[in-house]
PDB file of all heavy atoms in Angstrom:
ATOM      1  N   ASP A   1      83.110  86.560  95.025  1.00  0.00           N
ATOM      2  CA  ASP A   1      82.875  85.570  93.969  1.00  0.00           C
ATOM      3  C   ASP A   1      81.490  85.756  93.341  1.00  0.00           C
ATOM      4  O   ASP A   1      81.326  85.631  92.122  1.00  0.00           O
ATOM      5  CB  ASP A   1      83.000  84.154  94.537  1.00  0.00           C
ATOM      6  CG  ASP A   1      84.434  83.805  94.914  1.00  0.00           C
ATOM      7  OD1 ASP A   1      85.357  84.483  94.435  1.00  0.00           O
ATOM      8  OD2 ASP A   1      84.613  82.852  95.697  1.00  0.00           O
ATOM      9  N   THR A   2      80.502  86.065  94.181  1.00  0.00           N
ATOM     10  CA  THR A   2      79.141  86.285  93.673  1.00  0.00           C
ATOM     11  C   THR A   2      79.090  87.504  92.768  1.00  0.00           C
ATOM     12  O   THR A   2      78.472  87.483  91.692  1.00  0.00           O
ATOM     13  CB  THR A   2      78.161  86.458  94.844  1.00  0.00           C
ATOM     14  OG1 THR A   2      78.167  85.288  95.656  1.00  0.00           O
ATOM     15  CG2 THR A   2      76.747  86.714  94.332  1.00  0.00           C
ATOM     16  N   ILE A   3      79.742  88.589  93.179  1.00  0.00           N
ATOM     17  CA  ILE A   3      79.746  89.819  92.381  1.00  0.00           C
ATOM     18  C   ILE A   3      80.433  89.592  91.042  1.00  0.00           C
ATOM     19  O   ILE A   3      79.930  90.011  89.987  1.00  0.00           O
ATOM     20  CB  ILE A   3      80.425  90.959  93.161  1.00  0.00           C
ATOM     21  CG1 ILE A   3      79.574  91.347  94.374  1.00  0.00           C
ATOM     22  CG2 ILE A   3      80.643  92.180  92.261  1.00  0.00           C
ATOM     23  CD1 ILE A   3      80.237  92.353  95.290  1.00  0.00           C
ATOM     24  N   ILE A   4      81.569  88.928  91.055  1.00  0.00           N
ATOM     25  CA  ILE A   4      82.295  88.654  89.809  1.00  0.00           C
ATOM     26  C   ILE A   4      81.423  87.848  88.861  1.00  0.00           C
ATOM     27  O   ILE A   4      81.346  88.130  87.651  1.00  0.00           O
ATOM     28  CB  ILE A   4      83.611  87.912  90.108  1.00  0.00           C
ATOM     29  CG1 ILE A   4      84.580  88.839  90.860  1.00  0.00           C
ATOM     30  CG2 ILE A   4      84.254  87.405  88.823  1.00  0.00           C
ATOM     31  CD1 ILE A   4      85.823  88.150  91.364  1.00  0.00           C
ATOM     32  N   ARG A   5      80.732  86.841  89.385  1.00  0.00           N
ATOM     33  CA  ARG A   5      79.877  86.003  88.555  1.00  0.00           C
ATOM     34  C   ARG A   5      78.722  86.805  87.963  1.00  0.00           C
ATOM     35  O   ARG A   5      78.424  86.708  86.769  1.00  0.00           O
ATOM     36  CB  ARG A   5      79.340  84.833  89.376  1.00  0.00           C
ATOM     37  CG  ARG A   5      78.487  83.850  88.553  1.00  0.00           C
ATOM     38  CD  ARG A   5      78.040  82.662  89.375  1.00  0.00           C
ATOM     39  NE  ARG A   5      77.166  83.039  90.480  1.00  0.00           N
ATOM     40  CZ  ARG A   5      77.520  83.044  91.759  1.00  0.00           C
ATOM     41  NH1 ARG A   5      78.759  82.710  92.109  1.00  0.00           N
ATOM     42  NH2 ARG A   5      76.665  83.388  92.705  1.00  0.00           N
ATOM     43  N   GLU A   6      78.071  87.618  88.783  1.00  0.00           N
ATOM     44  CA  GLU A   6      76.904  88.366  88.282  1.00  0.00           C
ATOM     45  C   GLU A   6      77.310  89.456  87.300  1.00  0.00           C
ATOM     46  O   GLU A   6      76.591  89.725  86.338  1.00  0.00           O
ATOM     47  CB  GLU A   6      76.125  88.948  89.466  1.00  0.00           C
ATOM     48  CG  GLU A   6      75.452  87.882  90.320  1.00  0.00           C
ATOM     49  CD  GLU A   6      74.222  88.404  91.035  1.00  0.00           C
ATOM     50  OE1 GLU A   6      73.621  89.386  90.560  1.00  0.00           O
ATOM     51  OE2 GLU A   6      73.871  87.820  92.078  1.00  0.00           O
ATOM     52  N   LEU A   7      78.457  90.100  87.522  1.00  0.00           N
ATOM     53  CA  LEU A   7      78.896  91.120  86.580  1.00  0.00           C
ATOM     54  C   LEU A   7      79.242  90.515  85.234  1.00  0.00           C
ATOM     55  O   LEU A   7      79.049  91.152  84.192  1.00  0.00           O
ATOM     56  CB  LEU A   7      80.108  91.882  87.134  1.00  0.00           C
ATOM     57  CG  LEU A   7      79.816  92.926  88.201  1.00  0.00           C
ATOM     58  CD1 LEU A   7      81.108  93.538  88.717  1.00  0.00           C
ATOM     59  CD2 LEU A   7      78.914  94.031  87.656  1.00  0.00           C
ATOM     60  N   SER A   8      79.738  89.292  85.222  1.00  0.00           N
ATOM     61  CA  SER A   8      80.079  88.647  83.959  1.00  0.00           C
ATOM     62  C   SER A   8      78.847  88.344  83.121  1.00  0.00           C
ATOM     63  O   SER A   8      78.935  88.150  81.906  1.00  0.00           O
ATOM     64  CB  SER A   8      80.851  87.350  84.226  1.00  0.00           C
ATOM     65  OG  SER A   8      80.006  86.373  84.825  1.00  0.00           O
ATOM     66  N   GLU A   9      77.679  88.336  83.762  1.00  0.00           N
ATOM     67  CA  GLU A   9      76.433  88.044  83.064  1.00  0.00           C
ATOM     68  C   GLU A   9      75.709  89.298  82.602  1.00  0.00           C
ATOM     69  O   GLU A   9      74.677  89.217  81.939  1.00  0.00           O
ATOM     70  CB  GLU A   9      75.511  87.223  83.978  1.00  0.00           C
ATOM     71  CG  GLU A   9      76.098  85.870  84.383  1.00  0.00           C
ATOM     72  CD  GLU A   9      75.276  85.182  85.448  1.00  0.00           C
ATOM     73  OE1 GLU A   9      74.292  85.786  85.929  1.00  0.00           O
ATOM     74  OE2 GLU A   9      75.615  84.034  85.801  1.00  0.00           O
ATOM     75  N   GLU A  10      76.243  90.474  82.969  1.00  0.00           N
ATOM     76  CA  GLU A  10      75.601  91.736  82.620  1.00  0.00           C
ATOM     77  C   GLU A  10      76.396  92.441  81.525  1.00  0.00           C
ATOM     78  O   GLU A  10      77.601  92.258  81.383  1.00  0.00           O
ATOM     79  CB  GLU A  10      75.535  92.649  83.858  1.00  0.00           C
ATOM     80  CG  GLU A  10      74.694  92.097  84.994  1.00  0.00           C
ATOM     81  CD  GLU A  10      73.215  92.185  84.704  1.00  0.00           C
ATOM     82  OE1 GLU A  10      72.797  93.124  84.021  1.00  0.00           O
ATOM     83  OE2 GLU A  10      72.473  91.296  85.159  1.00  0.00           O
ATOM     84  N   SER A  11      75.716  93.297  80.755  1.00  0.00           N
ATOM     85  CA  SER A  11      76.432  94.131  79.793  1.00  0.00           C
ATOM     86  C   SER A  11      77.142  95.243  80.547  1.00  0.00           C
ATOM     87  O   SER A  11      76.641  95.726  81.564  1.00  0.00           O
ATOM     88  CB  SER A  11      75.451  94.726  78.778  1.00  0.00           C
ATOM     89  OG  SER A  11      74.558  95.619  79.424  1.00  0.00           O
ATOM     90  N   PRO A  12      78.332  95.678  80.084  1.00  0.00           N
ATOM     91  CA  PRO A  12      79.080  96.715  80.804  1.00  0.00           C
ATOM     92  C   PRO A  12      78.280  97.985  81.069  1.00  0.00           C
ATOM     93  O   PRO A  12      78.485  98.663  82.064  1.00  0.00           O
ATOM     94  CB  PRO A  12      80.272  96.987  79.873  1.00  0.00           C
ATOM     95  CG  PRO A  12      80.440  95.710  79.110  1.00  0.00           C
ATOM     96  CD  PRO A  12      79.049  95.178  78.913  1.00  0.00           C
ATOM     97  N   ALA A  13      77.319  98.318  80.186  1.00  0.00           N
ATOM     98  CA  ALA A  13      76.544  99.551  80.354  1.00  0.00           C
ATOM     99  C   ALA A  13      75.719  99.541  81.633  1.00  0.00           C
ATOM    100  O   ALA A  13      75.341 100.591  82.138  1.00  0.00           O
ATOM    101  CB  ALA A  13      75.642  99.768  79.149  1.00  0.00           C
ATOM    102  N   SER A  14      75.403  98.333  82.131  1.00  0.00           N
ATOM    103  CA  SER A  14      74.554  98.265  83.324  1.00  0.00           C
ATOM    104  C   SER A  14      75.358  97.949  84.583  1.00  0.00           C
ATOM    105  O   SER A  14      74.798  97.561  85.596  1.00  0.00           O
ATOM    106  CB  SER A  14      73.478  97.187  83.121  1.00  0.00           C
ATOM    107  OG  SER A  14      74.077  95.908  82.963  1.00  0.00           O
ATOM    108  N   HIS A  15      76.669  98.111  84.516  1.00  0.00           N
ATOM    109  CA  HIS A  15      77.509  97.754  85.649  1.00  0.00           C
ATOM    110  C   HIS A  15      77.489  98.837  86.717  1.00  0.00           C
ATOM    111  O   HIS A  15      78.441  99.606  86.878  1.00  0.00           O
ATOM    112  CB  HIS A  15      78.941  97.469  85.182  1.00  0.00           C
ATOM    113  CG  HIS A  15      79.069  96.143  84.498  1.00  0.00           C
ATOM    114  ND1 HIS A  15      80.270  95.617  84.112  1.00  0.00           N
ATOM    115  CD2 HIS A  15      78.135  95.227  84.130  1.00  0.00           C
ATOM    116  CE1 HIS A  15      80.084  94.436  83.545  1.00  0.00           C
ATOM    117  NE2 HIS A  15      78.790  94.189  83.533  1.00  0.00           N
ATOM    118  N   THR A  16      76.401  98.919  87.432  1.00  0.00           N
ATOM    119  CA  THR A  16      76.297  99.776  88.611  1.00  0.00           C
ATOM    120  C   THR A  16      76.038  98.863  89.798  1.00  0.00           C
ATOM    121  O   THR A  16      75.057  98.117  89.817  1.00  0.00           O
ATOM    122  CB  THR A  16      75.161 100.799  88.473  1.00  0.00           C
ATOM    123  OG1 THR A  16      75.403 101.623  87.325  1.00  0.00           O
ATOM    124  CG2 THR A  16      75.085 101.677  89.715  1.00  0.00           C
ATOM    125  N   VAL A  17      76.934  98.928  90.775  1.00  0.00           N
ATOM    126  CA  VAL A  17      76.881  98.012  91.914  1.00  0.00           C
ATOM    127  C   VAL A  17      76.766  98.815  93.203  1.00  0.00           C
ATOM    128  O   VAL A  17      77.527  99.766  93.418  1.00  0.00           O
ATOM    129  CB  VAL A  17      78.132  97.110  91.963  1.00  0.00           C
ATOM    130  CG1 VAL A  17      78.103  96.218  93.203  1.00  0.00           C
ATOM    131  CG2 VAL A  17      78.237  96.270  90.697  1.00  0.00           C
ATOM    132  N   PHE A  18      75.812  98.438  94.046  1.00  0.00           N
ATOM    133  CA  PHE A  18      75.657  99.010  95.377  1.00  0.00           C
ATOM    134  C   PHE A  18      76.061  97.959  96.404  1.00  0.00           C
ATOM    135  O   PHE A  18      75.556  96.839  96.369  1.00  0.00           O
ATOM    136  CB  PHE A  18      74.214  99.445  95.633  1.00  0.00           C
ATOM    137  CG  PHE A  18      73.775 100.659  94.862  1.00  0.00           C
ATOM    138  CD1 PHE A  18      73.343 100.549  93.544  1.00  0.00           C
ATOM    139  CD2 PHE A  18      73.782 101.916  95.464  1.00  0.00           C
ATOM    140  CE1 PHE A  18      72.937 101.664  92.836  1.00  0.00           C
ATOM    141  CE2 PHE A  18      73.385 103.036  94.757  1.00  0.00           C
ATOM    142  CZ  PHE A  18      72.960 102.916  93.444  1.00  0.00           C
ATOM    143  N   ILE A  19      76.972  98.327  97.300  1.00  0.00           N
ATOM    144  CA  ILE A  19      77.346  97.467  98.420  1.00  0.00           C
ATOM    145  C   ILE A  19      76.903  98.169  99.700  1.00  0.00           C
ATOM    146  O   ILE A  19      77.371  99.271  99.997  1.00  0.00           O
ATOM    147  CB  ILE A  19      78.866  97.212  98.496  1.00  0.00           C
ATOM    148  CG1 ILE A  19      79.417  96.750  97.145  1.00  0.00           C
ATOM    149  CG2 ILE A  19      79.179  96.215  99.613  1.00  0.00           C
ATOM    150  CD1 ILE A  19      78.965  95.393  96.720  1.00  0.00           C
ATOM    151  N   ARG A  20      75.989  97.545 100.414  1.00  0.00           N
ATOM    152  CA  ARG A  20      75.479  98.118 101.667  1.00  0.00           C
ATOM    153  C   ARG A  20      76.067  97.340 102.839  1.00  0.00           C
ATOM    154  O   ARG A  20      75.823  96.152 103.008  1.00  0.00           O
ATOM    155  CB  ARG A  20      73.946  98.044 101.682  1.00  0.00           C
ATOM    156  CG  ARG A  20      73.280  98.628 102.928  1.00  0.00           C
ATOM    157  CD  ARG A  20      71.771  98.661 102.685  1.00  0.00           C
ATOM    158  NE  ARG A  20      71.031  99.118 103.841  1.00  0.00           N
ATOM    159  CZ  ARG A  20      70.350  98.318 104.659  1.00  0.00           C
ATOM    160  NH1 ARG A  20      70.344  97.005 104.441  1.00  0.00           N
ATOM    161  NH2 ARG A  20      69.688  98.808 105.680  1.00  0.00           N
ATOM    162  N   PHE A  21      76.892  98.028 103.617  1.00  0.00           N
ATOM    163  CA  PHE A  21      77.479  97.411 104.803  1.00  0.00           C
ATOM    164  C   PHE A  21      76.508  97.557 105.970  1.00  0.00           C
ATOM    165  O   PHE A  21      75.993  98.652 106.225  1.00  0.00           O
ATOM    166  CB  PHE A  21      78.819  98.065 105.143  1.00  0.00           C
ATOM    167  CG  PHE A  21      79.859  97.875 104.062  1.00  0.00           C
ATOM    168  CD1 PHE A  21      80.173  98.906 103.195  1.00  0.00           C
ATOM    169  CD2 PHE A  21      80.496  96.661 103.905  1.00  0.00           C
ATOM    170  CE1 PHE A  21      81.120  98.736 102.197  1.00  0.00           C
ATOM    171  CE2 PHE A  21      81.442  96.474 102.912  1.00  0.00           C
ATOM    172  CZ  PHE A  21      81.757  97.515 102.056  1.00  0.00           C
ATOM    173  N   LEU A  22      76.253  96.473 106.649  1.00  0.00           N
ATOM    174  CA  LEU A  22      75.271  96.498 107.730  1.00  0.00           C
ATOM    175  C   LEU A  22      75.909  96.959 109.032  1.00  0.00           C
ATOM    176  O   LEU A  22      75.784  96.345 110.085  1.00  0.00           O
ATOM    177  CB  LEU A  22      74.630  95.108 107.875  1.00  0.00           C
ATOM    178  CG  LEU A  22      73.981  94.570 106.598  1.00  0.00           C
ATOM    179  CD1 LEU A  22      73.379  93.189 106.832  1.00  0.00           C
ATOM    180  CD2 LEU A  22      72.923  95.536 106.069  1.00  0.00           C
ATOM    181  N   ASP A  23      76.614  98.069 108.926  1.00  0.00           N
ATOM    182  CA  ASP A  23      77.253  98.704 110.085  1.00  0.00           C
ATOM    183  C   ASP A  23      77.483 100.165 109.735  1.00  0.00           C
ATOM    184  O   ASP A  23      76.810 100.715 108.867  1.00  0.00           O
ATOM    185  CB  ASP A  23      78.555  97.982 110.477  1.00  0.00           C
ATOM    186  CG  ASP A  23      79.543  97.878 109.321  1.00  0.00           C
ATOM    187  OD1 ASP A  23      79.443  98.683 108.369  1.00  0.00           O
ATOM    188  OD2 ASP A  23      80.410  96.990 109.355  1.00  0.00           O
ATOM    189  N   GLU A  24      78.442 100.789 110.374  1.00  0.00           N
ATOM    190  CA  GLU A  24      78.671 102.219 110.173  1.00  0.00           C
ATOM    191  C   GLU A  24      79.056 102.530 108.732  1.00  0.00           C
ATOM    192  O   GLU A  24      78.523 103.445 108.120  1.00  0.00           O
ATOM    193  CB  GLU A  24      79.741 102.717 111.155  1.00  0.00           C
ATOM    194  CG  GLU A  24      79.852 104.233 111.253  1.00  0.00           C
ATOM    195  CD  GLU A  24      80.740 104.823 110.177  1.00  0.00           C
ATOM    196  OE1 GLU A  24      81.614 104.105 109.658  1.00  0.00           O
ATOM    197  OE2 GLU A  24      80.527 106.002 109.831  1.00  0.00           O
ATOM    198  N   GLY A  25      80.015 101.813 108.198  1.00  0.00           N
ATOM    199  CA  GLY A  25      80.296 101.866 106.771  1.00  0.00           C
ATOM    200  C   GLY A  25      81.080 103.061 106.277  1.00  0.00           C
ATOM    201  O   GLY A  25      81.845 102.944 105.325  1.00  0.00           O
ATOM    202  N   HIS A  26      80.891 104.235 106.873  1.00  0.00           N
ATOM    203  CA  HIS A  26      81.559 105.443 106.386  1.00  0.00           C
ATOM    204  C   HIS A  26      83.061 105.346 106.623  1.00  0.00           C
ATOM    205  O   HIS A  26      83.860 105.546 105.710  1.00  0.00           O
ATOM    206  CB  HIS A  26      80.979 106.675 107.104  1.00  0.00           C
ATOM    207  CG  HIS A  26      81.141 107.952 106.351  1.00  0.00           C
ATOM    208  ND1 HIS A  26      80.074 108.643 105.818  1.00  0.00           N
ATOM    209  CD2 HIS A  26      82.231 108.674 106.033  1.00  0.00           C
ATOM    210  CE1 HIS A  26      80.511 109.743 105.214  1.00  0.00           C
ATOM    211  NE2 HIS A  26      81.824 109.773 105.327  1.00  0.00           N
ATOM    212  N   ASN A  27      83.416 105.052 107.844  1.00  0.00           N
ATOM    213  CA  ASN A  27      84.817 104.827 108.216  1.00  0.00           C
ATOM    214  C   ASN A  27      84.888 103.538 109.033  1.00  0.00           C
ATOM    215  O   ASN A  27      85.011 103.581 110.259  1.00  0.00           O
ATOM    216  CB  ASN A  27      85.365 106.002 109.029  1.00  0.00           C
ATOM    217  CG  ASN A  27      85.470 107.270 108.208  1.00  0.00           C
ATOM    218  OD1 ASN A  27      86.038 107.287 107.127  1.00  0.00           O
ATOM    219  ND2 ASN A  27      84.906 108.357 108.727  1.00  0.00           N
ATOM    220  N   PRO A  28      84.794 102.390 108.379  1.00  0.00           N
ATOM    221  CA  PRO A  28      84.740 101.127 109.130  1.00  0.00           C
ATOM    222  C   PRO A  28      86.010 100.886 109.936  1.00  0.00           C
ATOM    223  O   PRO A  28      87.104 101.327 109.552  1.00  0.00           O
ATOM    224  CB  PRO A  28      84.579 100.069 108.032  1.00  0.00           C
ATOM    225  CG  PRO A  28      85.095 100.718 106.792  1.00  0.00           C
ATOM    226  CD  PRO A  28      84.765 102.167 106.929  1.00  0.00           C
ATOM    227  N   ARG A  29      85.855 100.224 111.075  1.00  0.00           N
ATOM    228  CA  ARG A  29      87.013  99.918 111.915  1.00  0.00           C
ATOM    229  C   ARG A  29      87.999  99.040 111.148  1.00  0.00           C
ATOM    230  O   ARG A  29      87.595  98.170 110.373  1.00  0.00           O
ATOM    231  CB  ARG A  29      86.577  99.203 113.189  1.00  0.00           C
ATOM    232  CG  ARG A  29      85.693 100.048 114.097  1.00  0.00           C
ATOM    233  CD  ARG A  29      85.462  99.348 115.429  1.00  0.00           C
ATOM    234  NE  ARG A  29      84.924  98.007 115.259  1.00  0.00           N
ATOM    235  CZ  ARG A  29      83.631  97.747 115.047  1.00  0.00           C
ATOM    236  NH1 ARG A  29      82.766  98.741 114.972  1.00  0.00           N
ATOM    237  NH2 ARG A  29      83.216  96.492 114.919  1.00  0.00           N
ATOM    238  N   PRO A  30      89.305  99.251 111.355  1.00  0.00           N
ATOM    239  CA  PRO A  30      90.316  98.449 110.648  1.00  0.00           C
ATOM    240  C   PRO A  30      90.134  96.957 110.916  1.00  0.00           C
ATOM    241  O   PRO A  30      89.726  96.553 112.004  1.00  0.00           O
ATOM    242  CB  PRO A  30      91.641  98.958 111.226  1.00  0.00           C
ATOM    243  CG  PRO A  30      91.335 100.322 111.757  1.00  0.00           C
ATOM    244  CD  PRO A  30      89.917 100.266 112.241  1.00  0.00           C
ATOM    245  N   ASN A  31      90.441  96.166 109.889  1.00  0.00           N
ATOM    246  CA  ASN A  31      90.467  94.707 109.974  1.00  0.00           C
ATOM    247  C   ASN A  31      89.092  94.067 110.173  1.00  0.00           C
ATOM    248  O   ASN A  31      89.002  92.891 110.510  1.00  0.00           O
ATOM    249  CB  ASN A  31      91.422  94.237 111.073  1.00  0.00           C
ATOM    250  CG  ASN A  31      92.833  94.750 110.846  1.00  0.00           C
ATOM    251  OD1 ASN A  31      93.334  94.740 109.723  1.00  0.00           O
ATOM    252  ND2 ASN A  31      93.475  95.221 111.912  1.00  0.00           N
ATOM    253  N   THR A  32      88.026  94.833 110.015  1.00  0.00           N
ATOM    254  CA  THR A  32      86.689  94.241 109.994  1.00  0.00           C
ATOM    255  C   THR A  32      86.393  93.797 108.558  1.00  0.00           C
ATOM    256  O   THR A  32      87.072  94.208 107.613  1.00  0.00           O
ATOM    257  CB  THR A  32      85.625  95.237 110.450  1.00  0.00           C
ATOM    258  OG1 THR A  32      85.651  96.382 109.566  1.00  0.00           O
ATOM    259  CG2 THR A  32      85.885  95.705 111.882  1.00  0.00           C
ATOM    260  N   ASN A  33      85.367  92.975 108.392  1.00  0.00           N
ATOM    261  CA  ASN A  33      84.997  92.543 107.045  1.00  0.00           C
ATOM    262  C   ASN A  33      84.632  93.736 106.167  1.00  0.00           C
ATOM    263  O   ASN A  33      84.894  93.738 104.965  1.00  0.00           O
ATOM    264  CB  ASN A  33      83.842  91.548 107.110  1.00  0.00           C
ATOM    265  CG  ASN A  33      84.306  90.170 107.537  1.00  0.00           C
ATOM    266  OD1 ASN A  33      85.494  89.913 107.681  1.00  0.00           O
ATOM    267  ND2 ASN A  33      83.354  89.264 107.747  1.00  0.00           N
ATOM    268  N   SER A  34      84.035  94.761 106.772  1.00  0.00           N
ATOM    269  CA  SER A  34      83.681  95.959 106.000  1.00  0.00           C
ATOM    270  C   SER A  34      84.922  96.641 105.446  1.00  0.00           C
ATOM    271  O   SER A  34      84.984  97.003 104.267  1.00  0.00           O
ATOM    272  CB  SER A  34      82.888  96.936 106.866  1.00  0.00           C
ATOM    273  OG  SER A  34      81.619  96.419 107.191  1.00  0.00           O
ATOM    274  N   SER A  35      85.935  96.849 106.294  1.00  0.00           N
ATOM    275  CA  SER A  35      87.143  97.542 105.839  1.00  0.00           C
ATOM    276  C   SER A  35      87.904  96.700 104.822  1.00  0.00           C
ATOM    277  O   SER A  35      88.433  97.224 103.835  1.00  0.00           O
ATOM    278  CB  SER A  35      88.042  97.884 107.029  1.00  0.00           C
ATOM    279  OG  SER A  35      88.524  96.724 107.662  1.00  0.00           O
ATOM    280  N   VAL A  36      87.960  95.391 105.041  1.00  0.00           N
ATOM    281  CA  VAL A  36      88.647  94.508 104.094  1.00  0.00           C
ATOM    282  C   VAL A  36      87.946  94.526 102.745  1.00  0.00           C
ATOM    283  O   VAL A  36      88.579  94.644 101.687  1.00  0.00           O
ATOM    284  CB  VAL A  36      88.715  93.068 104.658  1.00  0.00           C
ATOM    285  CG1 VAL A  36      89.180  92.085 103.582  1.00  0.00           C
ATOM    286  CG2 VAL A  36      89.638  93.008 105.866  1.00  0.00           C
ATOM    287  N   PHE A  37      86.612  94.454 102.773  1.00  0.00           N
ATOM    288  CA  PHE A  37      85.872  94.368 101.518  1.00  0.00           C
ATOM    289  C   PHE A  37      85.857  95.696 100.778  1.00  0.00           C
ATOM    290  O   PHE A  37      85.833  95.712  99.536  1.00  0.00           O
ATOM    291  CB  PHE A  37      84.449  93.880 101.764  1.00  0.00           C
ATOM    292  CG  PHE A  37      83.760  93.435 100.516  1.00  0.00           C
ATOM    293  CD1 PHE A  37      84.050  92.200  99.964  1.00  0.00           C
ATOM    294  CD2 PHE A  37      82.843  94.244  99.872  1.00  0.00           C
ATOM    295  CE1 PHE A  37      83.437  91.777  98.798  1.00  0.00           C
ATOM    296  CE2 PHE A  37      82.223  93.831  98.714  1.00  0.00           C
ATOM    297  CZ  PHE A  37      82.520  92.591  98.164  1.00  0.00           C
ATOM    298  N   GLN A  38      85.864  96.819 101.498  1.00  0.00           N
ATOM    299  CA  GLN A  38      85.931  98.129 100.836  1.00  0.00           C
ATOM    300  C   GLN A  38      87.105  98.158  99.872  1.00  0.00           C
ATOM    301  O   GLN A  38      86.981  98.594  98.716  1.00  0.00           O
ATOM    302  CB  GLN A  38      86.106  99.243 101.884  1.00  0.00           C
ATOM    303  CG  GLN A  38      84.907  99.501 102.762  1.00  0.00           C
ATOM    304  CD  GLN A  38      84.006 100.610 102.253  1.00  0.00           C
ATOM    305  OE1 GLN A  38      84.029 100.951 101.080  1.00  0.00           O
ATOM    306  NE2 GLN A  38      83.204 101.173 103.125  1.00  0.00           N
ATOM    307  N   LEU A  39      88.269  97.715 100.344  1.00  0.00           N
ATOM    308  CA  LEU A  39      89.476  97.742  99.518  1.00  0.00           C
ATOM    309  C   LEU A  39      89.424  96.660  98.442  1.00  0.00           C
ATOM    310  O   LEU A  39      89.789  96.894  97.282  1.00  0.00           O
ATOM    311  CB  LEU A  39      90.708  97.551 100.402  1.00  0.00           C
ATOM    312  CG  LEU A  39      92.065  97.819  99.754  1.00  0.00           C
ATOM    313  CD1 LEU A  39      92.122  99.245  99.214  1.00  0.00           C
ATOM    314  CD2 LEU A  39      93.183  97.589 100.766  1.00  0.00           C
ATOM    315  N   MET A  40      88.927  95.486  98.792  1.00  0.00           N
ATOM    316  CA  MET A  40      88.865  94.367  97.860  1.00  0.00           C
ATOM    317  C   MET A  40      88.018  94.709  96.636  1.00  0.00           C
ATOM    318  O   MET A  40      88.426  94.481  95.488  1.00  0.00           O
ATOM    319  CB  MET A  40      88.292  93.145  98.587  1.00  0.00           C
ATOM    320  CG  MET A  40      88.304  91.861  97.781  1.00  0.00           C
ATOM    321  SD  MET A  40      87.439  90.505  98.654  1.00  0.00           S
ATOM    322  CE  MET A  40      88.452  90.345 100.112  1.00  0.00           C
TER     323      MET A  40
END
């Protein structure tokens, strides 16, 4: 919800988003918040 709100306030040219997972992140374990959010 936060990302959607902030992107709506930016011009499309600046739409570069970094998501940093505070874990392994490369191949997150299934059904963790990291794996769910990667797909979301």
